Structures are given as C-alpha cells and as structure tokens.
C-alpha cells in the first residue's frame, strides 16, 4: 500500500451550507489520520479526474481512499463506517448511515435538501458539463428560474 492509499480525500460542494457543515462536523481525522477536504468548486486536478470518471458531484459527495472512490450514499456510508463514535455528530452519523440500506434511503433526502438550500440562497450548482471552461469555480447559473 502506498502513502496515498491511506489518505482520505473528501470532495464536497463548498457553497452548500449543509455539505460544508457535514464535513466540518465529521471527525474523520481521529480515526483515519490524514484527511484532505476538497471544495469541488475549486476544480482541482483531482476534482477534474472524478468528473472524467463520470462522478457527478451535484448528485453527491465523494470519498477517495485506498484506491477506491465512494459517491453519494456509498460515500456517507463509508464515512460512517470510518469514523469513531467519540462525538455526538459521529454517533448520529453512524446511526443513520452505518447501514448501506438506510444510506440509500436517506441520502436522496439530503441531496434534495442541498438542492433546495442552494436554490433558496441563490447559489449556483457545479457545472460539470465543461468544468474547464466553467469560469471561477466551474459553475453555471441556476438562479434564472427564481424570477
């Protein structure tokens, strides 16, 4: 196993208040060690690699660890299995998502909350159709439907 195999990289939408709070509250470093949090709006080389692999970060967060990529409900399930129960949020996260079946049921509700939150805050979704030309943060305007 290489050094990179032991690093956990979490890709999330930094403009989403729910996503940002989730990754901030999750105490992954306590159980995994090195954790890299990547705001997908920055369109780093790693983010573009996920996009090239067909991972739609508007449909869910992603976790890259041990040479594997977990996306959406699989991501929160894997995160629940990796964290310790040392804090109230981790215990709640584990209770909700340690079952893959529960994660598959609950995650679409979380994603809908993210989409509603972005809409209410008039924030833009990630533009993953052509992120290299998507401008700052690789986003496109979804606020025109507010008028």
C-alpha atoms as a PDB file:
ATOM      1  CA  UNK A   1       0.000   0.000   0.000  1.00  0.00           C
ATOM      2  CA  UNK A   2       1.408   3.420  -0.925  1.00  0.00           C
ATOM      3  CA  UNK A   3       1.199   6.501   1.258  1.00  0.00           C
ATOM      4  CA  UNK A   4      -1.621   7.866  -0.913  1.00  0.00           C
ATOM      5  CA  UNK A   5      -3.715   4.760  -0.169  1.00  0.00           C
ATOM      6  CA  UNK A   6      -4.008   5.773   3.466  1.00  0.00           C
ATOM      7  CA  UNK A   7      -5.118   9.350   2.746  1.00  0.00           C
ATOM      8  CA  UNK A   8      -8.857  10.038   2.778  1.00  0.00           C
ATOM      9  CA  UNK A   9      -9.936  12.739   0.325  1.00  0.00           C
ATOM     10  CA  UNK A  10     -13.479  14.076   0.648  1.00  0.00           C
ATOM     11  CA  UNK A  11     -14.936  16.084  -2.250  1.00  0.00           C
ATOM     12  CA  UNK A  12     -17.876  18.314  -1.364  1.00  0.00           C
ATOM     13  CA  UNK A  13     -19.641  21.481  -2.535  1.00  0.00           C
ATOM     14  CA  UNK A  14     -18.138  24.357  -0.566  1.00  0.00           C
ATOM     15  CA  UNK A  15     -21.061  26.656  -1.457  1.00  0.00           C
ATOM     16  CA  UNK A  16     -23.571  24.271   0.124  1.00  0.00           C
ATOM     17  CA  UNK A  17     -24.018  25.141   3.811  1.00  0.00           C
ATOM     18  CA  UNK A  18     -25.172  21.582   4.607  1.00  0.00           C
ATOM     19  CA  UNK A  19     -22.212  19.940   2.858  1.00  0.00           C
ATOM     20  CA  UNK A  20     -19.730  22.313   4.492  1.00  0.00           C
ATOM     21  CA  UNK A  21     -21.218  21.727   7.951  1.00  0.00           C
ATOM     22  CA  UNK A  22     -21.208  17.951   7.423  1.00  0.00           C
ATOM     23  CA  UNK A  23     -17.514  17.738   6.546  1.00  0.00           C
ATOM     24  CA  UNK A  24     -16.625  20.225   9.303  1.00  0.00           C
ATOM     25  CA  UNK A  25     -18.528  18.291  11.996  1.00  0.00           C
ATOM     26  CA  UNK A  26     -17.339  14.861  10.904  1.00  0.00           C
ATOM     27  CA  UNK A  27     -14.279  13.954  12.971  1.00  0.00           C
ATOM     28  CA  UNK A  28     -12.647  11.724  10.388  1.00  0.00           C
ATOM     29  CA  UNK A  29      -9.054  12.581  11.304  1.00  0.00           C
ATOM     30  CA  UNK A  30      -9.478  10.903  14.688  1.00  0.00           C
ATOM     31  CA  UNK A  31      -9.975   7.502  13.086  1.00  0.00           C
ATOM     32  CA  UNK A  32      -8.389   7.689   9.628  1.00  0.00           C
ATOM     33  CA  UNK A  33      -5.434  10.001  10.015  1.00  0.00           C
ATOM     34  CA  UNK A  34      -4.667  12.255   7.075  1.00  0.00           C
ATOM     35  CA  UNK A  35      -7.810  13.756   5.549  1.00  0.00           C
ATOM     36  CA  UNK A  36      -7.938  16.181   2.659  1.00  0.00           C
ATOM     37  CA  UNK A  37     -11.128  18.192   2.208  1.00  0.00           C
ATOM     38  CA  UNK A  38     -11.583  19.373  -1.373  1.00  0.00           C
ATOM     39  CA  UNK A  39     -14.107  22.047  -2.246  1.00  0.00           C
ATOM     40  CA  UNK A  40     -15.244  20.762  -5.641  1.00  0.00           C
ATOM     41  CA  UNK A  41     -15.815  24.351  -6.793  1.00  0.00           C
ATOM     42  CA  UNK A  42     -12.048  24.844  -6.934  1.00  0.00           C
ATOM     43  CA  UNK A  43     -11.856  22.356  -9.839  1.00  0.00           C
ATOM     44  CA  UNK A  44      -8.529  20.877  -8.779  1.00  0.00           C
ATOM     45  CA  UNK A  45      -6.842  18.206 -10.874  1.00  0.00           C
ATOM     46  CA  UNK A  46      -8.318  15.576  -8.519  1.00  0.00           C
ATOM     47  CA  UNK A  47     -11.810  17.029  -8.947  1.00  0.00           C
ATOM     48  CA  UNK A  48     -11.438  17.021 -12.724  1.00  0.00           C
ATOM     49  CA  UNK A  49     -10.276  13.393 -12.528  1.00  0.00           C
ATOM     50  CA  UNK A  50     -13.528  12.480 -10.747  1.00  0.00           C
ATOM     51  CA  UNK A  51     -15.542  14.335 -13.380  1.00  0.00           C
ATOM     52  CA  UNK A  52     -13.643  12.477 -16.127  1.00  0.00           C
ATOM     53  CA  UNK A  53     -14.578   9.204 -14.396  1.00  0.00           C
ATOM     54  CA  UNK A  54     -18.262  10.154 -14.588  1.00  0.00           C
ATOM     55  CA  UNK A  55     -18.700  11.142 -10.935  1.00  0.00           C
ATOM     56  CA  UNK A  56     -21.404  13.838 -10.752  1.00  0.00           C
ATOM     57  CA  UNK A  57     -20.646  15.891  -7.660  1.00  0.00           C
ATOM     58  CA  UNK A  58     -24.045  17.604  -7.976  1.00  0.00           C
ATOM     59  CA  UNK A  59     -25.528  14.190  -7.210  1.00  0.00           C
ATOM     60  CA  UNK A  60     -23.409  13.607  -4.141  1.00  0.00           C
ATOM     61  CA  UNK A  61     -20.196  13.985  -2.217  1.00  0.00           C
ATOM     62  CA  UNK A  62     -17.294  11.685  -2.977  1.00  0.00           C
ATOM     63  CA  UNK A  63     -14.670   9.941  -0.861  1.00  0.00           C
ATOM     64  CA  UNK A  64     -11.404   8.648  -2.315  1.00  0.00           C
ATOM     65  CA  UNK A  65      -9.496   6.270  -0.063  1.00  0.00           C
ATOM     66  CA  UNK A  66      -7.431   3.131  -0.533  1.00  0.00           C
ATOM     67  CA  UNK A  67      -7.623   3.363  -4.317  1.00  0.00           C
ATOM     68  CA  UNK A  68     -11.444   3.334  -4.246  1.00  0.00           C
ATOM     69  CA  UNK A  69     -13.983   6.062  -4.889  1.00  0.00           C
ATOM     70  CA  UNK A  70     -17.271   6.187  -2.986  1.00  0.00           C
ATOM     71  CA  UNK A  71     -20.008   8.513  -4.226  1.00  0.00           C
ATOM     72  CA  UNK A  72     -23.312   9.725  -2.818  1.00  0.00           C
ATOM     73  CA  UNK A  73     -24.937   7.240  -0.440  1.00  0.00           C
ATOM     74  CA  UNK A  74     -21.864   4.979  -0.652  1.00  0.00           C
ATOM     75  CA  UNK A  75     -19.722   7.939   0.445  1.00  0.00           C
ATOM     76  CA  UNK A  76     -21.735   8.729   3.589  1.00  0.00           C
ATOM     77  CA  UNK A  77     -21.967   5.002   4.367  1.00  0.00           C
ATOM     78  CA  UNK A  78     -18.174   4.632   4.090  1.00  0.00           C
ATOM     79  CA  UNK A  79     -17.640   7.779   6.181  1.00  0.00           C
ATOM     80  CA  UNK A  80     -19.981   6.411   8.868  1.00  0.00           C
ATOM     81  CA  UNK A  81     -18.006   3.162   8.939  1.00  0.00           C
ATOM     82  CA  UNK A  82     -14.676   5.023   9.182  1.00  0.00           C
ATOM     83  CA  UNK A  83     -15.478   7.478  11.957  1.00  0.00           C
ATOM     84  CA  UNK A  84     -15.310   6.906  15.683  1.00  0.00           C
ATOM     85  CA  UNK A  85     -18.301   7.460  17.950  1.00  0.00           C
ATOM     86  CA  UNK A  86     -16.396   9.911  20.113  1.00  0.00           C
ATOM     87  CA  UNK A  87     -18.628  12.904  19.322  1.00  0.00           C
ATOM     88  CA  UNK A  88     -22.398  13.356  19.161  1.00  0.00           C
ATOM     89  CA  UNK A  89     -22.347  14.095  15.414  1.00  0.00           C
ATOM     90  CA  UNK A  90     -20.328  10.978  14.619  1.00  0.00           C
ATOM     91  CA  UNK A  91     -22.719   8.867  16.715  1.00  0.00           C
ATOM     92  CA  UNK A  92     -25.698  10.334  14.836  1.00  0.00           C
ATOM     93  CA  UNK A  93     -23.914   9.876  11.502  1.00  0.00           C
ATOM     94  CA  UNK A  94     -23.144   6.263  12.371  1.00  0.00           C
ATOM     95  CA  UNK A  95     -26.715   5.600  13.476  1.00  0.00           C
ATOM     96  CA  UNK A  96     -28.101   6.973  10.206  1.00  0.00           C
ATOM     97  CA  UNK A  97     -25.570   5.740   7.677  1.00  0.00           C
ATOM     98  CA  UNK A  98     -23.768   2.661   9.031  1.00  0.00           C
ATOM     99  CA  UNK A  99     -26.391   0.606   7.189  1.00  0.00           C
ATOM    100  CA  UNK A 100     -25.956   0.783   3.427  1.00  0.00           C
ATOM    101  CA  UNK A 101     -29.711   0.307   3.017  1.00  0.00           C
ATOM    102  CA  UNK A 102     -30.517   3.261   5.294  1.00  0.00           C
ATOM    103  CA  UNK A 103     -27.912   5.377   3.496  1.00  0.00           C
ATOM    104  CA  UNK A 104     -29.565   4.600   0.128  1.00  0.00           C
ATOM    105  CA  UNK A 105     -32.945   5.673   1.540  1.00  0.00           C
ATOM    106  CA  UNK A 106     -31.831   8.805   3.428  1.00  0.00           C
ATOM    107  CA  UNK A 107     -29.219  10.197   1.036  1.00  0.00           C
ATOM    108  CA  UNK A 108     -31.673  11.346  -1.674  1.00  0.00           C
ATOM    109  CA  UNK A 109     -33.444  13.412   1.002  1.00  0.00           C
ATOM    110  CA  UNK A 110     -30.116  15.007   1.941  1.00  0.00           C
ATOM    111  CA  UNK A 111     -29.396  15.741  -1.731  1.00  0.00           C
ATOM    112  CA  UNK A 112     -32.828  17.341  -2.134  1.00  0.00           C
ATOM    113  CA  UNK A 113     -32.074  19.490   0.921  1.00  0.00           C
ATOM    114  CA  UNK A 114     -28.805  20.573  -0.666  1.00  0.00           C
ATOM    115  CA  UNK A 115     -30.540  21.493  -3.912  1.00  0.00           C
ATOM    116  CA  UNK A 116     -33.288  23.392  -2.079  1.00  0.00           C
ATOM    117  CA  UNK A 117     -30.712  25.188   0.063  1.00  0.00           C
ATOM    118  CA  UNK A 118     -28.708  26.268  -2.976  1.00  0.00           C
ATOM    119  CA  UNK A 119     -31.889  27.456  -4.696  1.00  0.00           C
ATOM    120  CA  UNK A 120     -33.067  29.433  -1.646  1.00  0.00           C
ATOM    121  CA  UNK A 121     -29.637  31.011  -1.199  1.00  0.00           C
ATOM    122  CA  UNK A 122     -29.487  31.723  -4.952  1.00  0.00           C
ATOM    123  CA  UNK A 123     -26.239  29.831  -5.217  1.00  0.00           C
ATOM    124  CA  UNK A 124     -25.120  28.047  -8.335  1.00  0.00           C
ATOM    125  CA  UNK A 125     -24.685  24.330  -8.871  1.00  0.00           C
ATOM    126  CA  UNK A 126     -21.382  22.946 -10.037  1.00  0.00           C
ATOM    127  CA  UNK A 127     -21.022  22.988 -13.826  1.00  0.00           C
ATOM    128  CA  UNK A 128     -19.610  19.560 -14.517  1.00  0.00           C
ATOM    129  CA  UNK A 129     -20.579  19.501 -18.192  1.00  0.00           C
ATOM    130  CA  UNK A 130     -17.495  21.501 -19.119  1.00  0.00           C
ATOM    131  CA  UNK A 131     -15.699  22.361 -15.886  1.00  0.00           C
ATOM    132  CA  UNK A 132     -12.519  23.575 -17.546  1.00  0.00           C
ATOM    133  CA  UNK A 133     -14.434  26.439 -19.155  1.00  0.00           C
ATOM    134  CA  UNK A 134     -16.983  26.964 -16.401  1.00  0.00           C
ATOM    135  CA  UNK A 135     -15.392  30.141 -15.059  1.00  0.00           C
ATOM    136  CA  UNK A 136     -14.450  30.654 -11.439  1.00  0.00           C
ATOM    137  CA  UNK A 137     -15.386  27.562  -9.514  1.00  0.00           C
ATOM    138  CA  UNK A 138     -16.698  25.841 -12.618  1.00  0.00           C
ATOM    139  CA  UNK A 139     -20.315  26.825 -12.029  1.00  0.00           C
ATOM    140  CA  UNK A 140     -23.331  27.657 -14.111  1.00  0.00           C
ATOM    141  CA  UNK A 141     -26.279  29.880 -13.257  1.00  0.00           C
ATOM    142  CA  UNK A 142     -29.346  28.123 -11.884  1.00  0.00           C
ATOM    143  CA  UNK A 143     -30.904  31.241 -10.391  1.00  0.00           C
ATOM    144  CA  UNK A 144     -32.726  32.401 -13.527  1.00  0.00           C
ATOM    145  CA  UNK A 145     -35.745  30.288 -12.546  1.00  0.00           C
ATOM    146  CA  UNK A 146     -36.194  32.498  -9.452  1.00  0.00           C
ATOM    147  CA  UNK A 147     -37.562  35.423 -11.440  1.00  0.00           C
END
